[in-house]
């Protein structure tokens, strides 16, 4: 029996899979608040003019 084996594991793929599995436990209203498809655009004034920022919340 040969126990010398190499495991090729893509950590990013594993995390994506784990996120999908955990998303099953999150209630739908919370999923809508933190989904990949949503973000917030904030426009605020600065001394030089207006500044626009986009914040995205990625979870489910």
PDB file of N, CA and C in Angstrom:
ATOM      1  N   UNK A   1       0.843  -1.164   0.000  1.00  0.00           N
ATOM      2  CA  UNK A   1       0.000   0.000   0.000  1.00  0.00           C
ATOM      3  C   UNK A   1       0.902   1.245   0.000  1.00  0.00           C
ATOM      4  N   UNK A   2       0.653   2.147  -0.930  1.00  0.00           N
ATOM      5  CA  UNK A   2       1.440   3.362  -1.047  1.00  0.00           C
ATOM      6  C   UNK A   2       0.642   4.541  -0.493  1.00  0.00           C
ATOM      7  N   UNK A   3       1.129   5.139   0.575  1.00  0.00           N
ATOM      8  CA  UNK A   3       0.445   6.279   1.180  1.00  0.00           C
ATOM      9  C   UNK A   3       1.047   7.602   0.732  1.00  0.00           C
ATOM     10  N   UNK A   4       1.971   7.537  -0.193  1.00  0.00           N
ATOM     11  CA  UNK A   4       2.575   8.738  -0.737  1.00  0.00           C
ATOM     12  C   UNK A   4       1.688   9.284  -1.852  1.00  0.00           C
ATOM     13  N   UNK A   5       0.816  10.198  -1.545  1.00  0.00           N
ATOM     14  CA  UNK A   5      -0.061  10.776  -2.561  1.00  0.00           C
ATOM     15  C   UNK A   5      -0.010  12.286  -2.476  1.00  0.00           C
ATOM     16  N   UNK A   6      -0.191  12.914  -3.593  1.00  0.00           N
ATOM     17  CA  UNK A   6      -0.264  14.367  -3.657  1.00  0.00           C
ATOM     18  C   UNK A   6      -1.718  14.779  -3.805  1.00  0.00           C
ATOM     19  N   UNK A   7      -2.119  15.706  -2.989  1.00  0.00           N
ATOM     20  CA  UNK A   7      -3.471  16.237  -3.099  1.00  0.00           C
ATOM     21  C   UNK A   7      -3.397  17.583  -3.783  1.00  0.00           C
ATOM     22  N   UNK A   8      -4.011  17.678  -4.939  1.00  0.00           N
ATOM     23  CA  UNK A   8      -4.092  18.944  -5.656  1.00  0.00           C
ATOM     24  C   UNK A   8      -5.420  19.599  -5.306  1.00  0.00           C
ATOM     25  N   UNK A   9      -5.379  20.588  -4.435  1.00  0.00           N
ATOM     26  CA  UNK A   9      -6.620  21.217  -3.986  1.00  0.00           C
ATOM     27  C   UNK A   9      -6.562  22.703  -4.292  1.00  0.00           C
ATOM     28  N   UNK A  10      -7.547  23.165  -5.010  1.00  0.00           N
ATOM     29  CA  UNK A  10      -7.660  24.586  -5.326  1.00  0.00           C
ATOM     30  C   UNK A  10      -8.429  25.251  -4.192  1.00  0.00           C
ATOM     31  N   UNK A  11      -7.748  26.058  -3.411  1.00  0.00           N
ATOM     32  CA  UNK A  11      -8.334  26.659  -2.218  1.00  0.00           C
ATOM     33  C   UNK A  11      -9.490  27.601  -2.572  1.00  0.00           C
ATOM     34  N   UNK A  12      -9.346  28.347  -3.669  1.00  0.00           N
ATOM     35  CA  UNK A  12     -10.408  29.272  -4.086  1.00  0.00           C
ATOM     36  C   UNK A  12     -11.684  28.520  -4.436  1.00  0.00           C
ATOM     37  N   UNK A  13     -11.554  27.431  -5.147  1.00  0.00           N
ATOM     38  CA  UNK A  13     -12.714  26.611  -5.506  1.00  0.00           C
ATOM     39  C   UNK A  13     -13.365  26.029  -4.268  1.00  0.00           C
ATOM     40  N   UNK A  14     -12.558  25.594  -3.332  1.00  0.00           N
ATOM     41  CA  UNK A  14     -13.099  25.056  -2.088  1.00  0.00           C
ATOM     42  C   UNK A  14     -13.899  26.117  -1.344  1.00  0.00           C
ATOM     43  N   UNK A  15     -13.367  27.333  -1.252  1.00  0.00           N
ATOM     44  CA  UNK A  15     -14.078  28.401  -0.544  1.00  0.00           C
ATOM     45  C   UNK A  15     -15.395  28.757  -1.241  1.00  0.00           C
ATOM     46  N   UNK A  16     -15.393  28.754  -2.575  1.00  0.00           N
ATOM     47  CA  UNK A  16     -16.648  29.013  -3.302  1.00  0.00           C
ATOM     48  C   UNK A  16     -17.668  27.920  -2.997  1.00  0.00           C
ATOM     49  N   UNK A  17     -17.247  26.680  -2.989  1.00  0.00           N
ATOM     50  CA  UNK A  17     -18.149  25.575  -2.675  1.00  0.00           C
ATOM     51  C   UNK A  17     -18.675  25.714  -1.247  1.00  0.00           C
ATOM     52  N   UNK A  18     -17.799  26.012  -0.309  1.00  0.00           N
ATOM     53  CA  UNK A  18     -18.195  26.131   1.093  1.00  0.00           C
ATOM     54  C   UNK A  18     -19.178  27.283   1.276  1.00  0.00           C
ATOM     55  N   UNK A  19     -18.974  28.388   0.575  1.00  0.00           N
ATOM     56  CA  UNK A  19     -19.885  29.528   0.651  1.00  0.00           C
ATOM     57  C   UNK A  19     -21.272  29.124   0.166  1.00  0.00           C
ATOM     58  N   UNK A  20     -21.331  28.368  -0.927  1.00  0.00           N
ATOM     59  CA  UNK A  20     -22.644  27.912  -1.433  1.00  0.00           C
ATOM     60  C   UNK A  20     -23.324  26.998  -0.427  1.00  0.00           C
ATOM     61  N   UNK A  21     -22.551  26.141   0.216  1.00  0.00           N
ATOM     62  CA  UNK A  21     -23.136  25.240   1.208  1.00  0.00           C
ATOM     63  C   UNK A  21     -23.666  26.019   2.413  1.00  0.00           C
ATOM     64  N   UNK A  22     -22.928  27.011   2.876  1.00  0.00           N
ATOM     65  CA  UNK A  22     -23.363  27.807   4.019  1.00  0.00           C
ATOM     66  C   UNK A  22     -24.540  28.700   3.673  1.00  0.00           C
ATOM     67  N   UNK A  23     -24.676  29.072   2.418  1.00  0.00           N
ATOM     68  CA  UNK A  23     -25.781  29.939   2.004  1.00  0.00           C
ATOM     69  C   UNK A  23     -27.132  29.263   2.199  1.00  0.00           C
ATOM     70  N   UNK A  24     -27.144  27.965   2.218  1.00  0.00           N
ATOM     71  CA  UNK A  24     -28.412  27.258   2.435  1.00  0.00           C
ATOM     72  C   UNK A  24     -28.970  27.519   3.827  1.00  0.00           C
ATOM     73  N   UNK A  25     -28.116  27.901   4.757  1.00  0.00           N
ATOM     74  CA  UNK A  25     -28.537  28.138   6.132  1.00  0.00           C
ATOM     75  C   UNK A  25     -28.975  29.577   6.398  1.00  0.00           C
ATOM     76  N   UNK A  26     -28.678  30.478   5.453  1.00  0.00           N
ATOM     77  CA  UNK A  26     -28.982  31.899   5.644  1.00  0.00           C
ATOM     78  C   UNK A  26     -30.404  32.180   5.164  1.00  0.00           C
ATOM     79  N   UNK A  27     -31.225  32.873   5.966  1.00  0.00           N
ATOM     80  CA  UNK A  27     -32.594  33.210   5.540  1.00  0.00           C
ATOM     81  C   UNK A  27     -32.593  34.115   4.302  1.00  0.00           C
ATOM     82  N   UNK A  28     -33.641  33.994   3.473  1.00  0.00           N
ATOM     83  CA  UNK A  28     -33.715  34.731   2.210  1.00  0.00           C
ATOM     84  C   UNK A  28     -33.635  36.250   2.367  1.00  0.00           C
ATOM     85  N   UNK A  29     -34.306  36.856   3.352  1.00  0.00           N
ATOM     86  CA  UNK A  29     -34.178  38.325   3.467  1.00  0.00           C
ATOM     87  C   UNK A  29     -32.744  38.783   3.705  1.00  0.00           C
ATOM     88  N   UNK A  30     -31.988  38.010   4.449  1.00  0.00           N
ATOM     89  CA  UNK A  30     -30.585  38.370   4.700  1.00  0.00           C
ATOM     90  C   UNK A  30     -29.751  38.142   3.441  1.00  0.00           C
ATOM     91  N   UNK A  31     -30.062  37.096   2.689  1.00  0.00           N
ATOM     92  CA  UNK A  31     -29.351  36.840   1.437  1.00  0.00           C
ATOM     93  C   UNK A  31     -29.503  38.005   0.474  1.00  0.00           C
ATOM     94  N   UNK A  32     -30.715  38.565   0.409  1.00  0.00           N
ATOM     95  CA  UNK A  32     -30.951  39.692  -0.492  1.00  0.00           C
ATOM     96  C   UNK A  32     -30.116  40.901  -0.086  1.00  0.00           C
ATOM     97  N   UNK A  33     -29.905  41.076   1.198  1.00  0.00           N
ATOM     98  CA  UNK A  33     -29.115  42.217   1.665  1.00  0.00           C
ATOM     99  C   UNK A  33     -27.632  42.076   1.360  1.00  0.00           C
ATOM    100  N   UNK A  34     -27.135  40.847   1.350  1.00  0.00           N
ATOM    101  CA  UNK A  34     -25.693  40.642   1.207  1.00  0.00           C
ATOM    102  C   UNK A  34     -25.319  39.844  -0.041  1.00  0.00           C
ATOM    103  N   UNK A  35     -26.154  39.860  -1.055  1.00  0.00           N
ATOM    104  CA  UNK A  35     -25.867  39.057  -2.251  1.00  0.00           C
ATOM    105  C   UNK A  35     -24.782  39.707  -3.106  1.00  0.00           C
ATOM    106  N   UNK A  36     -24.221  38.919  -4.009  1.00  0.00           N
ATOM    107  CA  UNK A  36     -23.185  39.395  -4.930  1.00  0.00           C
ATOM    108  C   UNK A  36     -23.701  40.476  -5.866  1.00  0.00           C
ATOM    109  N   UNK A  37     -24.979  40.437  -6.144  1.00  0.00           N
ATOM    110  CA  UNK A  37     -25.552  41.322  -7.147  1.00  0.00           C
ATOM    111  C   UNK A  37     -25.876  42.707  -6.617  1.00  0.00           C
ATOM    112  N   UNK A  38     -25.674  42.949  -5.359  1.00  0.00           N
ATOM    113  CA  UNK A  38     -26.030  44.234  -4.788  1.00  0.00           C
ATOM    114  C   UNK A  38     -24.792  44.977  -4.316  1.00  0.00           C
ATOM    115  N   UNK A  39     -24.911  46.270  -4.349  1.00  0.00           N
ATOM    116  CA  UNK A  39     -23.856  47.126  -3.859  1.00  0.00           C
ATOM    117  C   UNK A  39     -24.459  48.467  -3.495  1.00  0.00           C
ATOM    118  N   UNK A  40     -23.635  49.348  -3.007  1.00  0.00           N
ATOM    119  CA  UNK A  40     -24.084  50.671  -2.601  1.00  0.00           C
ATOM    120  C   UNK A  40     -23.192  51.701  -3.278  1.00  0.00           C
ATOM    121  N   UNK A  41     -23.815  52.683  -3.913  1.00  0.00           N
ATOM    122  CA  UNK A  41     -23.075  53.799  -4.491  1.00  0.00           C
ATOM    123  C   UNK A  41     -23.261  54.992  -3.570  1.00  0.00           C
ATOM    124  N   UNK A  42     -22.149  55.567  -3.150  1.00  0.00           N
ATOM    125  CA  UNK A  42     -22.180  56.724  -2.257  1.00  0.00           C
ATOM    126  C   UNK A  42     -21.543  57.900  -2.990  1.00  0.00           C
ATOM    127  N   UNK A  43     -22.289  58.988  -3.089  1.00  0.00           N
ATOM    128  CA  UNK A  43     -21.787  60.215  -3.711  1.00  0.00           C
ATOM    129  C   UNK A  43     -21.667  61.252  -2.600  1.00  0.00           C
ATOM    130  N   UNK A  44     -20.474  61.809  -2.469  1.00  0.00           N
ATOM    131  CA  UNK A  44     -20.288  62.829  -1.439  1.00  0.00           C
ATOM    132  C   UNK A  44     -19.411  63.949  -1.991  1.00  0.00           C
ATOM    133  N   UNK A  45     -19.535  65.105  -1.368  1.00  0.00           N
ATOM    134  CA  UNK A  45     -18.773  66.255  -1.853  1.00  0.00           C
ATOM    135  C   UNK A  45     -17.403  66.304  -1.179  1.00  0.00           C
ATOM    136  N   UNK A  46     -16.448  66.752  -1.952  1.00  0.00           N
ATOM    137  CA  UNK A  46     -15.088  66.958  -1.472  1.00  0.00           C
ATOM    138  C   UNK A  46     -14.693  68.384  -1.856  1.00  0.00           C
ATOM    139  N   UNK A  47     -13.610  68.880  -1.331  1.00  0.00           N
ATOM    140  CA  UNK A  47     -13.186  70.225  -1.739  1.00  0.00           C
ATOM    141  C   UNK A  47     -12.930  70.336  -3.247  1.00  0.00           C
ATOM    142  N   UNK A  48     -12.554  69.236  -3.889  1.00  0.00           N
ATOM    143  CA  UNK A  48     -12.264  69.257  -5.326  1.00  0.00           C
ATOM    144  C   UNK A  48     -13.514  69.043  -6.178  1.00  0.00           C
ATOM    145  N   UNK A  49     -14.628  68.656  -5.586  1.00  0.00           N
ATOM    146  CA  UNK A  49     -15.854  68.386  -6.349  1.00  0.00           C
ATOM    147  C   UNK A  49     -16.625  67.244  -5.720  1.00  0.00           C
ATOM    148  N   UNK A  50     -17.170  66.382  -6.560  1.00  0.00           N
ATOM    149  CA  UNK A  50     -17.920  65.226  -6.076  1.00  0.00           C
ATOM    150  C   UNK A  50     -17.072  63.965  -6.189  1.00  0.00           C
ATOM    151  N   UNK A  51     -17.257  63.076  -5.238  1.00  0.00           N
ATOM    152  CA  UNK A  51     -16.569  61.783  -5.264  1.00  0.00           C
ATOM    153  C   UNK A  51     -17.626  60.686  -5.233  1.00  0.00           C
ATOM    154  N   UNK A  52     -17.409  59.669  -6.024  1.00  0.00           N
ATOM    155  CA  UNK A  52     -18.333  58.532  -6.093  1.00  0.00           C
ATOM    156  C   UNK A  52     -17.593  57.298  -5.623  1.00  0.00           C
ATOM    157  N   UNK A  53     -18.225  56.550  -4.725  1.00  0.00           N
ATOM    158  CA  UNK A  53     -17.647  55.285  -4.233  1.00  0.00           C
ATOM    159  C   UNK A  53     -18.679  54.184  -4.373  1.00  0.00           C
ATOM    160  N   UNK A  54     -18.203  53.002  -4.702  1.00  0.00           N
ATOM    161  CA  UNK A  54     -19.065  51.829  -4.811  1.00  0.00           C
ATOM    162  C   UNK A  54     -18.591  50.786  -3.816  1.00  0.00           C
ATOM    163  N   UNK A  55     -19.509  50.307  -2.998  1.00  0.00           N
ATOM    164  CA  UNK A  55     -19.208  49.260  -2.024  1.00  0.00           C
ATOM    165  C   UNK A  55     -20.048  48.045  -2.379  1.00  0.00           C
ATOM    166  N   UNK A  56     -19.393  46.924  -2.580  1.00  0.00           N
ATOM    167  CA  UNK A  56     -20.146  45.697  -2.844  1.00  0.00           C
ATOM    168  C   UNK A  56     -20.002  44.764  -1.654  1.00  0.00           C
ATOM    169  N   UNK A  57     -21.077  44.025  -1.392  1.00  0.00           N
ATOM    170  CA  UNK A  57     -21.062  43.056  -0.296  1.00  0.00           C
ATOM    171  C   UNK A  57     -21.192  41.678  -0.902  1.00  0.00           C
ATOM    172  N   UNK A  58     -20.145  40.873  -0.794  1.00  0.00           N
ATOM    173  CA  UNK A  58     -20.166  39.544  -1.381  1.00  0.00           C
ATOM    174  C   UNK A  58     -20.240  38.494  -0.292  1.00  0.00           C
ATOM    175  N   UNK A  59     -21.263  37.689  -0.380  1.00  0.00           N
ATOM    176  CA  UNK A  59     -21.390  36.566   0.562  1.00  0.00           C
ATOM    177  C   UNK A  59     -22.076  35.401  -0.124  1.00  0.00           C
ATOM    178  N   UNK A  60     -23.312  35.549  -0.492  1.00  0.00           N
ATOM    179  CA  UNK A  60     -24.077  34.441  -1.072  1.00  0.00           C
ATOM    180  C   UNK A  60     -24.341  34.680  -2.534  1.00  0.00           C
TER     181      UNK A  60
END
